[in-house]
Protein backbone atom coordinates (compact mmCIF):
# COMPACT_ATOMS: atom_id res chain seq x y z
CA UNK A 1 -0.15 -0.08 -0.02
CA UNK A 2 1.30 3.26 -0.83
CA UNK A 3 -1.18 5.27 1.54
CA UNK A 4 -1.37 4.67 5.26
CA UNK A 5 -3.94 6.16 7.32
CA UNK A 6 -3.61 6.41 11.23
CA UNK A 7 -6.67 7.52 13.28
CA UNK A 8 -5.89 10.54 15.61
CA UNK A 9 -9.23 11.24 17.31
CA UNK A 10 -12.53 10.78 16.73
CA UNK A 11 -16.00 11.49 17.93
CA UNK A 12 -19.88 10.98 17.24
CA UNK A 13 -20.12 12.12 13.84
CA UNK A 14 -16.34 12.79 13.39
CA UNK A 15 -12.93 11.81 12.58
CA UNK A 16 -9.61 12.98 11.66
CA UNK A 17 -6.60 10.65 10.52
CA UNK A 18 -3.09 11.40 9.42
CA UNK A 19 -2.60 10.45 6.04
CA UNK A 20 0.84 9.82 4.53
CA UNK A 21 0.71 8.78 0.86
CA UNK A 22 4.26 7.45 -0.94
CA UNK A 23 3.08 7.31 -4.25
CA UNK A 24 5.15 8.79 -7.35
CA UNK A 25 5.07 9.24 -10.95
CA UNK A 26 5.31 5.43 -11.44
CA UNK A 27 2.18 4.72 -9.74
CA UNK A 28 -1.05 4.40 -11.32
CA UNK A 29 -3.33 6.25 -9.61
CA UNK A 30 -6.68 4.34 -8.65
CA UNK A 31 -10.34 5.61 -7.80
CA UNK A 32 -11.96 5.67 -4.28
CA UNK A 33 -14.91 7.14 -2.75
CA UNK A 34 -15.80 10.00 -0.08
CA UNK A 35 -17.85 8.12 2.46
CA UNK A 36 -18.52 11.33 4.23
CA UNK A 37 -17.95 14.59 4.03
CA UNK A 38 -14.06 15.38 3.62
CA UNK A 39 -12.07 18.65 4.67
CA UNK A 40 -8.48 17.52 4.38
CA UNK A 41 -5.33 19.83 5.09
CA UNK A 42 -2.31 19.34 3.12
CA UNK A 43 0.53 19.68 5.10
CA UNK A 44 3.22 18.34 3.03
CA UNK A 45 4.27 17.40 -0.64
CA UNK A 46 2.00 18.09 -3.91
CA UNK A 47 -0.86 15.90 -5.96
CA UNK A 48 -3.56 16.48 -8.38
CA UNK A 49 -7.15 15.78 -7.15
CA UNK A 50 -9.29 14.79 -8.95
CA UNK A 51 -13.63 14.77 -8.56
CA UNK A 52 -17.00 15.72 -9.86
CA UNK A 53 -16.15 19.10 -8.61
CA UNK A 54 -13.60 19.47 -10.70
CA UNK A 55 -9.47 18.75 -10.92
CA UNK A 56 -6.98 21.11 -8.66
CA UNK A 57 -3.49 20.53 -7.91
CA UNK A 58 -3.00 20.27 -4.18
CA UNK A 59 0.15 22.25 -2.02
CA UNK A 60 0.72 22.64 1.84
CA UNK A 61 -1.68 25.17 2.58
CA UNK A 62 -4.31 23.95 0.64
CA UNK A 63 -7.93 22.32 1.78
CA UNK A 64 -9.04 19.14 -0.22
CA UNK A 65 -12.75 19.29 -0.41
CA UNK A 66 -14.95 16.45 -0.55
CA UNK A 67 -18.79 15.44 -0.39
CA UNK A 68 -20.27 11.85 0.53
CA UNK A 69 -20.83 9.40 -2.37
CA UNK A 70 -18.43 11.05 -4.53
CA UNK A 71 -15.57 9.38 -6.15
CA UNK A 72 -12.26 10.39 -6.45
CA UNK A 73 -8.44 10.33 -7.58
CA UNK A 74 -5.28 11.48 -6.70
CA UNK A 75 -2.31 11.57 -8.68
CA UNK A 76 1.67 12.10 -8.17
CA UNK A 77 2.84 12.94 -11.72
CA UNK A 78 4.93 15.95 -10.71
CA UNK A 79 6.19 14.52 -7.50
CA UNK A 80 6.57 11.43 -4.91
CA UNK A 81 4.77 11.62 -1.75
CA UNK A 82 2.19 13.87 0.34
CA UNK A 83 0.88 14.11 3.94
CA UNK A 84 -2.58 15.69 5.08
CA UNK A 85 -4.55 16.16 8.11
CA UNK A 86 -7.81 14.49 6.83
CA UNK A 87 -11.19 15.32 8.83
CA UNK A 88 -14.38 13.29 8.06
CA UNK A 89 -17.84 14.58 8.99
CA UNK A 90 -20.86 12.23 8.58
CA UNK A 91 -23.61 14.32 6.83
CA UNK A 92 -25.60 15.13 9.83
CA UNK A 93 -22.97 16.79 11.48
CA UNK A 94 -21.69 18.64 8.99
CA UNK A 95 -25.45 19.78 8.14
CA UNK A 96 -25.58 21.38 11.75
CA UNK A 97 -22.39 23.04 10.92
CA UNK A 98 -23.53 24.90 7.71
CA UNK A 99 -26.83 26.00 10.08
CA UNK A 100 -24.55 27.81 12.21
CA UNK A 101 -22.52 29.43 9.57
CA UNK A 102 -23.97 32.95 8.61
CA UNK A 103 -25.12 33.39 5.36
CA UNK A 104 -23.85 29.32 4.12
CA UNK A 105 -26.44 27.37 2.30
CA UNK A 106 -24.18 24.79 1.23
CA UNK A 107 -25.43 21.01 0.64
CA UNK A 108 -22.43 20.03 -0.89
CA UNK A 109 -19.13 21.09 -1.47
CA UNK A 110 -18.63 23.34 -5.16
CA UNK A 111 -15.03 23.31 -5.96
CA UNK A 112 -12.64 20.43 -5.31
CA UNK A 113 -10.39 22.45 -3.13
CA UNK A 114 -9.70 25.74 -1.15
CA UNK A 115 -6.05 27.80 -2.09
CA UNK A 116 -4.13 28.59 1.12
CA UNK A 117 -6.17 31.45 2.81
CA UNK A 118 -5.17 34.00 5.59
CA UNK A 119 -8.30 32.89 7.38
CA UNK A 120 -7.40 29.25 7.27
CA UNK A 121 -3.62 29.33 8.14
CA UNK A 122 -3.74 29.93 12.10
CA UNK A 123 -6.55 26.83 12.32
CA UNK A 124 -4.18 24.85 10.28
CA UNK A 125 -0.84 25.66 11.74
CA UNK A 126 -2.41 24.97 15.37
CA UNK A 127 -4.06 21.19 13.85
CA UNK A 128 -0.64 20.46 12.25
CA UNK A 129 1.12 21.26 15.64
CA UNK A 130 -1.47 19.35 17.81
CA UNK A 131 -0.74 16.43 15.05
CA UNK A 132 2.94 16.83 15.95
CA UNK A 133 2.85 16.68 19.90
CA UNK A 134 0.13 14.33 20.07
CA UNK A 135 -2.46 16.73 21.98
CA UNK A 136 -5.47 14.31 20.84
CA UNK A 137 -8.06 16.44 23.01
CA UNK A 138 -7.60 19.80 20.80
CA UNK A 139 -9.29 18.05 17.92
CA UNK A 140 -12.60 18.33 18.27
CA UNK A 141 -12.63 22.00 18.46
CA UNK A 142 -10.05 22.17 15.82
CA UNK A 143 -12.36 19.81 13.43
CA UNK A 144 -15.23 22.08 14.10
CA UNK A 145 -13.54 25.28 13.32
CA UNK A 146 -11.92 24.00 10.15
CA UNK A 147 -15.13 22.61 8.85
CA UNK A 148 -17.12 25.70 9.51
CA UNK A 149 -14.23 27.94 7.95
CA UNK A 150 -14.22 25.62 5.11
CA UNK A 151 -17.74 26.03 4.79
CA UNK A 152 -17.68 29.83 4.99
CA UNK A 153 -14.94 30.35 2.36
CA UNK A 154 -16.69 27.82 0.09
CA UNK A 155 -19.91 29.53 0.40
CA UNK A 156 -18.38 33.07 -0.32
CA UNK A 157 -19.26 34.27 2.85
CA UNK A 158 -17.24 35.76 5.51
CA UNK A 159 -17.92 35.59 9.42
CA UNK A 160 -20.19 38.04 10.63
CA UNK A 161 -19.96 38.91 14.20
CA UNK A 162 -23.06 39.58 15.71
CA UNK A 163 -23.60 40.35 19.94
CA UNK A 164 -24.44 37.38 22.26
CA UNK A 165 -28.11 37.25 23.29
CA UNK A 166 -28.55 37.10 26.97
CA UNK A 167 -29.18 33.73 26.94
CA UNK A 168 -25.98 32.65 24.92
CA UNK A 169 -24.29 34.89 27.66
CA UNK A 170 -26.12 32.73 30.57
CA UNK A 171 -25.26 29.30 28.84
CA UNK A 172 -21.57 30.22 28.52
CA UNK A 173 -21.86 31.52 32.27
CA UNK A 174 -23.15 27.72 33.55
CA UNK A 175 -20.23 26.34 31.33
CA UNK A 176 -17.91 28.30 32.90
CA UNK A 177 -19.00 27.32 35.90
CA UNK A 178 -18.82 23.60 35.17
CA UNK A 179 -15.71 24.13 34.07
CA UNK A 180 -14.19 25.84 37.19
CA UNK A 181 -15.98 23.04 39.22
CA UNK A 182 -14.66 19.75 37.11
CA UNK A 183 -11.79 20.90 35.61
CA UNK A 184 -9.91 18.07 36.70
CA UNK A 185 -12.28 15.88 34.97
CA UNK A 186 -13.05 14.65 31.10
CA UNK A 187 -14.96 17.40 29.84
CA UNK A 188 -15.51 17.15 25.89
CA UNK A 189 -16.97 19.88 23.51
CA UNK A 190 -19.92 17.62 23.05
CA UNK A 191 -20.81 17.33 26.38
CA UNK A 192 -20.70 20.85 27.38
CA UNK A 193 -22.78 22.06 24.35
CA UNK A 194 -25.35 19.35 25.17
CA UNK A 195 -25.41 20.62 28.66
CA UNK A 196 -26.27 24.15 27.27
CA UNK A 197 -28.93 22.79 24.43
CA UNK A 198 -27.06 24.11 21.97
CA UNK A 199 -25.09 22.39 18.96
CA UNK A 200 -21.53 22.17 19.21
CA UNK A 201 -20.63 24.74 16.65
CA UNK A 202 -22.61 27.24 18.00
CA UNK A 203 -21.46 26.95 21.53
CA UNK A 204 -18.20 26.94 20.56
CA UNK A 205 -18.59 30.10 18.45
CA UNK A 206 -20.38 31.98 21.53
CA UNK A 207 -18.22 30.85 23.83
CA UNK A 208 -15.19 31.89 22.08
CA UNK A 209 -16.85 35.51 21.61
CA UNK A 210 -17.75 35.92 25.37
CA UNK A 211 -15.12 34.23 26.95
CA UNK A 212 -12.16 35.00 24.85
CA UNK A 213 -10.91 31.90 24.24
CA UNK A 214 -12.42 28.35 22.90
CA UNK A 215 -13.71 26.22 25.84
CA UNK A 216 -10.44 23.74 25.68
CA UNK A 217 -8.42 26.54 26.04
CA UNK A 218 -10.49 27.86 28.87
CA UNK A 219 -10.11 24.61 30.04
CA UNK A 220 -6.17 24.28 29.85
CA UNK A 221 -5.77 27.59 31.55
CA UNK A 222 -7.99 26.62 34.67
CA UNK A 223 -5.74 23.16 35.12
CA UNK A 224 -2.40 24.79 34.66
CA UNK A 225 -3.58 27.91 37.36
CA UNK A 226 -4.77 25.36 39.85
CA UNK A 227 -1.57 23.06 39.15
CA UNK A 228 0.55 26.37 39.94
CA UNK A 229 -1.54 27.47 42.90
CA UNK A 230 -0.61 23.48 44.14
CA UNK A 231 2.84 24.03 43.15
CA UNK A 232 3.47 27.11 45.16
CA UNK A 233 1.80 25.97 48.38
CA UNK A 234 2.05 22.27 48.19
CA UNK A 235 5.04 19.46 48.62
CA UNK A 236 3.84 16.94 46.15
CA UNK A 237 5.32 15.49 43.56
CA UNK A 238 5.26 17.39 39.98
CA UNK A 239 3.67 14.43 38.49
CA UNK A 240 0.74 13.87 41.29
CA UNK A 241 -0.19 17.57 41.05
CA UNK A 242 -0.56 17.37 37.19
CA UNK A 243 -2.59 13.73 37.37
CA UNK A 244 -4.88 15.59 40.17
CA UNK A 245 -5.00 18.85 37.92
CA UNK A 246 -6.71 16.92 35.21
CA UNK A 247 -3.62 16.03 32.49
CA UNK A 248 -3.31 12.59 31.44
CA UNK A 249 0.46 12.38 31.35
CA UNK A 250 3.52 14.62 32.68
CA UNK A 251 5.03 15.34 29.09
CA UNK A 252 1.94 17.14 28.23
CA UNK A 253 1.81 19.01 31.45
CA UNK A 254 5.02 20.19 31.31
CA UNK A 255 5.08 21.08 28.05
CA UNK A 256 1.79 23.32 28.48
CA UNK A 257 3.36 25.00 31.76
CA UNK A 258 6.59 26.05 30.26
CA UNK A 259 4.56 27.48 27.16
CA UNK A 260 2.01 29.22 29.49
CA UNK A 261 4.40 30.27 32.54
CA UNK A 262 7.60 30.72 30.52
CA UNK A 263 9.38 28.22 32.95
CA UNK A 264 8.84 24.24 33.91
CA UNK A 265 7.03 23.25 36.58
CA UNK A 266 10.11 22.27 38.90
CA UNK A 267 11.92 26.06 38.08
CA UNK A 268 8.40 27.68 38.72
CA UNK A 269 8.14 25.67 42.06
CA UNK A 270 12.22 26.25 43.02
CA UNK A 271 12.10 30.15 42.49
CA UNK A 272 8.86 30.51 44.68
CA UNK A 273 10.26 28.47 47.55
CA UNK A 274 13.31 30.70 47.41
CA UNK A 275 10.99 34.16 47.97
CA UNK A 276 9.33 32.31 50.94
């Protein structure tokens, strides 16, 4: 096989895979079929993509678009190999996303790809980084954000900000309190959205607008803040504090802590201990 598919993360109605293709000019393209909606970000290499929407050359930064039931073919006449982050969405899941993107009426992607777009570049960089460091929990939100950005771009619509309703503000406040109470527990976007009786995308959009960050980022910040407090006030092992704060492994905690605090947990604890 010239192509490998590694599932990175999945949930009800969605899945993201790391797809690596090693095909070259000497390999004959073969026809495949999209079973779900596909939004695949090219992270390296180039290839030709042919589907019912048309034919396009894809390169890093471009996004492949696929519709359920559509047959497609990829060719590598001009270079060997490529790698993609491939997001797949069930039709019902994508329908809810479309309903929540202002002005979008997409029932199917009309174009085979999106070129590198400024609106997508930060999201794609974040997704590639999450893949490389194994931050699988980030993909539930990233998938929604990338899908909605792709829908908006392919529909020719721009994102329109609107003032959150009082009801939305109440929902976000309730979600914030829920995160604060249970920050050490696994809290997925789907669970938080269900508890506020909204779709995941609507909840993500309003939470980000009101709180200034996504629910996942808020959860991480809450966990890191509590860990920092415990590092200062407790003599427990750093690994114990990390697990009690809700992190599943020490390496993720160390990396996140250093990124947010500018130093390792050990340095943070030692520096503050010296001030007592």
